[in-house]
């Protein structure tokens, strides 16, 4: 199983990996470079997510304003037992399976 070693994509991480090779013994440098490789992946992912969030922030709509439900009460035939109803301004549409 001759797997090629992973290569770093950012110059800063390449420079740190070269410094690790020069400074530490091979097993310790190998372990640190593995950790550094995972750190580089997380760094790139976070930078990409931040760039996407910054790009869609002007386009993303604001939180929708939902009106509170309307309360309606009317007297009934039974004393003390009114007919009460609540209505809201939004509807929910369910999609039926087309199978």
N, C-alpha and C. Protein backbone atom coordinates (compact mmCIF):
# COMPACT_ATOMS: atom_id res chain seq x y z
N UNK A 1 0.84 -1.17 0.00
CA UNK A 1 0.00 0.00 0.00
C UNK A 1 0.88 1.24 0.00
N UNK A 2 1.32 1.60 -1.16
CA UNK A 2 2.15 2.78 -1.32
C UNK A 2 1.26 3.99 -1.57
N UNK A 3 0.87 4.64 -0.52
CA UNK A 3 0.01 5.82 -0.63
C UNK A 3 0.89 7.07 -0.64
N UNK A 4 0.60 8.01 -1.54
CA UNK A 4 1.39 9.24 -1.51
C UNK A 4 1.03 10.07 -0.28
N UNK A 5 2.01 10.78 0.24
CA UNK A 5 1.76 11.64 1.38
C UNK A 5 0.90 12.82 0.95
N UNK A 6 0.02 13.26 1.81
CA UNK A 6 -0.80 14.42 1.44
C UNK A 6 0.06 15.67 1.34
N UNK A 7 -0.27 16.51 0.37
CA UNK A 7 0.50 17.74 0.21
C UNK A 7 -0.35 18.92 0.68
N UNK A 8 0.31 19.90 1.21
CA UNK A 8 -0.36 21.09 1.71
C UNK A 8 -0.71 22.00 0.55
N UNK A 9 -1.83 22.71 0.67
CA UNK A 9 -2.30 23.57 -0.42
C UNK A 9 -1.94 25.04 -0.20
N UNK A 10 -1.81 25.46 1.04
CA UNK A 10 -1.51 26.86 1.33
C UNK A 10 -0.03 27.03 1.66
N UNK A 11 0.57 28.11 1.17
CA UNK A 11 2.00 28.32 1.35
C UNK A 11 2.40 28.44 2.82
N UNK A 12 1.54 29.01 3.62
CA UNK A 12 1.84 29.15 5.05
C UNK A 12 1.99 27.79 5.69
N UNK A 13 1.08 26.89 5.37
CA UNK A 13 1.14 25.54 5.95
C UNK A 13 2.32 24.74 5.37
N UNK A 14 2.67 25.00 4.12
CA UNK A 14 3.85 24.34 3.54
C UNK A 14 5.11 24.77 4.28
N UNK A 15 5.19 26.06 4.61
CA UNK A 15 6.36 26.57 5.32
C UNK A 15 6.44 25.99 6.73
N UNK A 16 5.30 25.87 7.41
CA UNK A 16 5.29 25.28 8.76
C UNK A 16 5.69 23.81 8.69
N UNK A 17 5.22 23.09 7.66
CA UNK A 17 5.59 21.68 7.51
C UNK A 17 7.09 21.53 7.27
N UNK A 18 7.67 22.40 6.47
CA UNK A 18 9.12 22.35 6.24
C UNK A 18 9.88 22.65 7.53
N UNK A 19 9.38 23.59 8.31
CA UNK A 19 10.02 23.90 9.59
C UNK A 19 9.93 22.71 10.54
N UNK A 20 8.79 22.02 10.54
CA UNK A 20 8.64 20.84 11.39
C UNK A 20 9.64 19.76 11.01
N UNK A 21 9.85 19.56 9.69
CA UNK A 21 10.81 18.55 9.23
C UNK A 21 12.23 18.88 9.70
N UNK A 22 12.58 20.14 9.69
CA UNK A 22 13.94 20.54 10.08
C UNK A 22 14.13 20.51 11.60
N UNK A 23 13.07 20.78 12.36
CA UNK A 23 13.20 21.00 13.79
C UNK A 23 13.04 19.73 14.62
N UNK A 24 12.07 18.90 14.30
CA UNK A 24 11.73 17.75 15.13
C UNK A 24 12.21 16.44 14.52
N UNK A 25 12.34 15.40 15.34
CA UNK A 25 12.65 14.07 14.80
C UNK A 25 11.52 13.60 13.89
N UNK A 26 11.82 12.69 12.98
CA UNK A 26 10.88 12.26 11.95
C UNK A 26 9.52 11.79 12.49
N UNK A 27 9.45 10.91 13.52
CA UNK A 27 8.12 10.47 13.97
C UNK A 27 7.27 11.62 14.53
N UNK A 28 7.90 12.50 15.30
CA UNK A 28 7.16 13.62 15.86
C UNK A 28 6.76 14.61 14.78
N UNK A 29 7.63 14.85 13.83
CA UNK A 29 7.31 15.75 12.72
C UNK A 29 6.17 15.17 11.88
N UNK A 30 6.18 13.86 11.68
CA UNK A 30 5.12 13.19 10.91
C UNK A 30 3.77 13.35 11.61
N UNK A 31 3.75 13.16 12.92
CA UNK A 31 2.52 13.32 13.70
C UNK A 31 2.02 14.77 13.63
N UNK A 32 2.92 15.72 13.80
CA UNK A 32 2.53 17.13 13.76
C UNK A 32 2.04 17.55 12.38
N UNK A 33 2.66 17.00 11.34
CA UNK A 33 2.20 17.33 9.99
C UNK A 33 0.82 16.75 9.71
N UNK A 34 0.50 15.60 10.30
CA UNK A 34 -0.86 15.05 10.16
C UNK A 34 -1.88 15.96 10.82
N UNK A 35 -1.56 16.44 12.00
CA UNK A 35 -2.44 17.38 12.70
C UNK A 35 -2.56 18.68 11.91
N UNK A 36 -1.44 19.14 11.36
CA UNK A 36 -1.42 20.38 10.58
C UNK A 36 -2.25 20.22 9.31
N UNK A 37 -2.22 19.05 8.70
CA UNK A 37 -3.01 18.81 7.49
C UNK A 37 -4.51 18.90 7.80
N UNK A 38 -4.93 18.32 8.94
CA UNK A 38 -6.34 18.42 9.34
C UNK A 38 -6.71 19.87 9.66
N UNK A 39 -5.79 20.59 10.28
CA UNK A 39 -6.02 22.00 10.59
C UNK A 39 -6.17 22.82 9.31
N UNK A 40 -5.38 22.50 8.30
CA UNK A 40 -5.48 23.21 7.02
C UNK A 40 -6.84 22.97 6.37
N UNK A 41 -7.32 21.74 6.41
CA UNK A 41 -8.65 21.44 5.85
C UNK A 41 -9.74 22.23 6.57
N UNK A 42 -9.66 22.28 7.88
CA UNK A 42 -10.65 23.03 8.65
C UNK A 42 -10.54 24.52 8.35
N UNK A 43 -9.34 25.02 8.19
CA UNK A 43 -9.12 26.44 7.89
C UNK A 43 -9.75 26.80 6.54
N UNK A 44 -9.51 25.98 5.53
CA UNK A 44 -10.05 26.23 4.20
C UNK A 44 -11.58 26.16 4.23
N UNK A 45 -12.13 25.17 4.93
CA UNK A 45 -13.58 25.04 5.01
C UNK A 45 -14.22 26.24 5.70
N UNK A 46 -13.59 26.72 6.78
CA UNK A 46 -14.16 27.87 7.48
C UNK A 46 -14.05 29.15 6.65
N UNK A 47 -12.96 29.31 5.93
CA UNK A 47 -12.81 30.48 5.07
C UNK A 47 -13.84 30.45 3.93
N UNK A 48 -14.08 29.28 3.37
CA UNK A 48 -15.07 29.16 2.30
C UNK A 48 -16.47 29.44 2.83
N UNK A 49 -16.80 28.92 4.01
CA UNK A 49 -18.12 29.17 4.60
C UNK A 49 -18.31 30.66 4.91
N UNK A 50 -17.27 31.30 5.40
CA UNK A 50 -17.37 32.74 5.70
C UNK A 50 -17.54 33.55 4.42
N UNK A 51 -16.88 33.15 3.35
CA UNK A 51 -17.01 33.87 2.09
C UNK A 51 -18.41 33.70 1.51
N UNK A 52 -18.98 32.52 1.64
CA UNK A 52 -20.34 32.29 1.15
C UNK A 52 -21.34 33.09 1.97
N UNK A 53 -21.19 33.09 3.29
CA UNK A 53 -22.10 33.86 4.14
C UNK A 53 -22.00 35.35 3.83
N UNK A 54 -20.79 35.84 3.60
CA UNK A 54 -20.61 37.25 3.28
C UNK A 54 -21.23 37.57 1.92
N UNK A 55 -21.16 36.61 1.00
CA UNK A 55 -21.71 36.84 -0.34
C UNK A 55 -23.23 36.83 -0.38
N UNK A 56 -23.85 35.99 0.45
CA UNK A 56 -25.32 35.91 0.41
C UNK A 56 -25.99 36.82 1.41
N UNK A 57 -25.24 37.46 2.28
CA UNK A 57 -25.85 38.34 3.29
C UNK A 57 -26.68 39.46 2.68
N UNK A 58 -26.23 40.15 1.60
CA UNK A 58 -27.08 41.20 1.04
C UNK A 58 -28.33 40.65 0.34
N UNK A 59 -28.31 39.40 -0.09
CA UNK A 59 -29.42 38.82 -0.84
C UNK A 59 -30.42 38.11 0.08
N UNK A 60 -29.94 37.60 1.20
CA UNK A 60 -30.79 36.82 2.10
C UNK A 60 -31.91 37.69 2.66
N UNK A 61 -33.15 37.23 2.57
CA UNK A 61 -34.25 38.04 3.09
C UNK A 61 -34.23 38.12 4.61
N UNK A 62 -34.85 39.16 5.13
CA UNK A 62 -34.95 39.30 6.57
C UNK A 62 -35.93 38.27 7.11
N UNK A 63 -35.93 38.09 8.41
CA UNK A 63 -36.86 37.15 9.02
C UNK A 63 -38.29 37.57 8.72
N UNK A 64 -39.14 36.61 8.36
CA UNK A 64 -40.52 36.97 8.05
C UNK A 64 -41.27 37.45 9.30
N UNK A 65 -42.17 38.37 9.09
CA UNK A 65 -42.97 38.89 10.18
C UNK A 65 -44.28 38.11 10.18
N UNK A 66 -44.56 37.45 11.27
CA UNK A 66 -45.77 36.66 11.39
C UNK A 66 -46.73 37.40 12.31
N UNK A 67 -47.91 37.66 11.80
CA UNK A 67 -48.90 38.35 12.60
C UNK A 67 -49.46 37.40 13.66
N UNK A 68 -49.78 37.91 14.82
CA UNK A 68 -50.35 37.04 15.85
C UNK A 68 -51.75 36.59 15.43
N UNK A 69 -52.20 35.46 15.92
CA UNK A 69 -53.53 34.98 15.55
C UNK A 69 -54.62 35.93 16.06
N UNK A 70 -55.73 35.93 15.34
CA UNK A 70 -56.85 36.80 15.71
C UNK A 70 -57.80 36.00 16.61
N UNK A 71 -58.23 36.62 17.66
CA UNK A 71 -59.11 36.01 18.65
C UNK A 71 -60.53 36.48 18.39
N UNK A 72 -61.45 35.54 18.30
CA UNK A 72 -62.86 35.90 18.08
C UNK A 72 -63.70 35.14 19.10
N UNK A 73 -64.59 35.85 19.76
CA UNK A 73 -65.47 35.24 20.75
C UNK A 73 -66.89 35.76 20.53
N UNK A 74 -67.83 34.86 20.57
CA UNK A 74 -69.23 35.25 20.47
C UNK A 74 -70.06 34.45 21.47
N UNK A 75 -71.12 35.00 21.97
CA UNK A 75 -71.91 34.29 22.98
C UNK A 75 -72.65 33.10 22.37
N UNK A 76 -72.85 32.10 23.20
CA UNK A 76 -73.58 30.92 22.74
C UNK A 76 -74.87 30.79 23.55
N UNK A 77 -75.57 29.69 23.31
CA UNK A 77 -76.84 29.45 24.00
C UNK A 77 -76.61 29.16 25.48
N UNK A 78 -75.43 28.61 25.82
CA UNK A 78 -75.14 28.25 27.20
C UNK A 78 -74.44 29.44 27.88
N UNK A 79 -74.95 29.83 29.00
CA UNK A 79 -74.40 30.98 29.70
C UNK A 79 -72.99 30.64 30.24
N UNK A 80 -72.02 31.52 29.98
CA UNK A 80 -70.65 31.32 30.45
C UNK A 80 -69.80 30.45 29.54
N UNK A 81 -70.38 29.93 28.48
CA UNK A 81 -69.63 29.07 27.55
C UNK A 81 -69.68 29.71 26.17
N UNK A 82 -68.75 30.64 25.90
CA UNK A 82 -68.73 31.36 24.62
C UNK A 82 -68.12 30.48 23.53
N UNK A 83 -68.44 30.82 22.30
CA UNK A 83 -67.81 30.17 21.14
C UNK A 83 -66.54 30.97 20.85
N UNK A 84 -65.40 30.33 20.95
CA UNK A 84 -64.11 30.99 20.79
C UNK A 84 -63.40 30.40 19.58
N UNK A 85 -62.80 31.27 18.77
CA UNK A 85 -62.03 30.78 17.64
C UNK A 85 -60.77 31.62 17.48
N UNK A 86 -59.73 30.98 17.00
CA UNK A 86 -58.47 31.64 16.68
C UNK A 86 -58.21 31.44 15.19
N UNK A 87 -57.84 32.51 14.50
CA UNK A 87 -57.49 32.39 13.09
C UNK A 87 -56.12 33.01 12.88
N UNK A 88 -55.38 32.46 11.95
CA UNK A 88 -54.06 33.00 11.65
C UNK A 88 -54.01 33.40 10.19
N UNK A 89 -53.03 34.20 9.84
CA UNK A 89 -52.93 34.73 8.49
C UNK A 89 -52.10 33.90 7.54
N UNK A 90 -51.54 32.80 7.99
CA UNK A 90 -50.72 31.99 7.10
C UNK A 90 -51.37 30.62 6.92
N UNK A 91 -51.00 29.98 5.83
CA UNK A 91 -51.53 28.65 5.52
C UNK A 91 -50.37 27.71 5.29
N UNK A 92 -50.65 26.46 5.44
CA UNK A 92 -49.63 25.43 5.19
C UNK A 92 -50.15 24.54 4.09
N UNK A 93 -49.35 24.40 3.06
CA UNK A 93 -49.73 23.56 1.93
C UNK A 93 -48.88 22.31 1.98
N UNK A 94 -49.52 21.20 2.02
CA UNK A 94 -48.80 19.93 2.02
C UNK A 94 -48.76 19.37 0.61
N UNK A 95 -47.60 18.85 0.25
CA UNK A 95 -47.46 18.24 -1.06
C UNK A 95 -47.76 16.76 -0.93
N UNK A 96 -48.66 16.29 -1.75
CA UNK A 96 -49.04 14.88 -1.73
C UNK A 96 -48.03 14.08 -2.54
N UNK A 97 -47.83 12.84 -2.14
CA UNK A 97 -46.94 11.96 -2.89
C UNK A 97 -47.54 11.69 -4.26
N UNK A 98 -46.74 11.75 -5.28
CA UNK A 98 -47.24 11.53 -6.64
C UNK A 98 -47.12 10.08 -7.08
N UNK A 99 -46.74 9.22 -6.18
CA UNK A 99 -46.55 7.81 -6.54
C UNK A 99 -47.86 7.08 -6.64
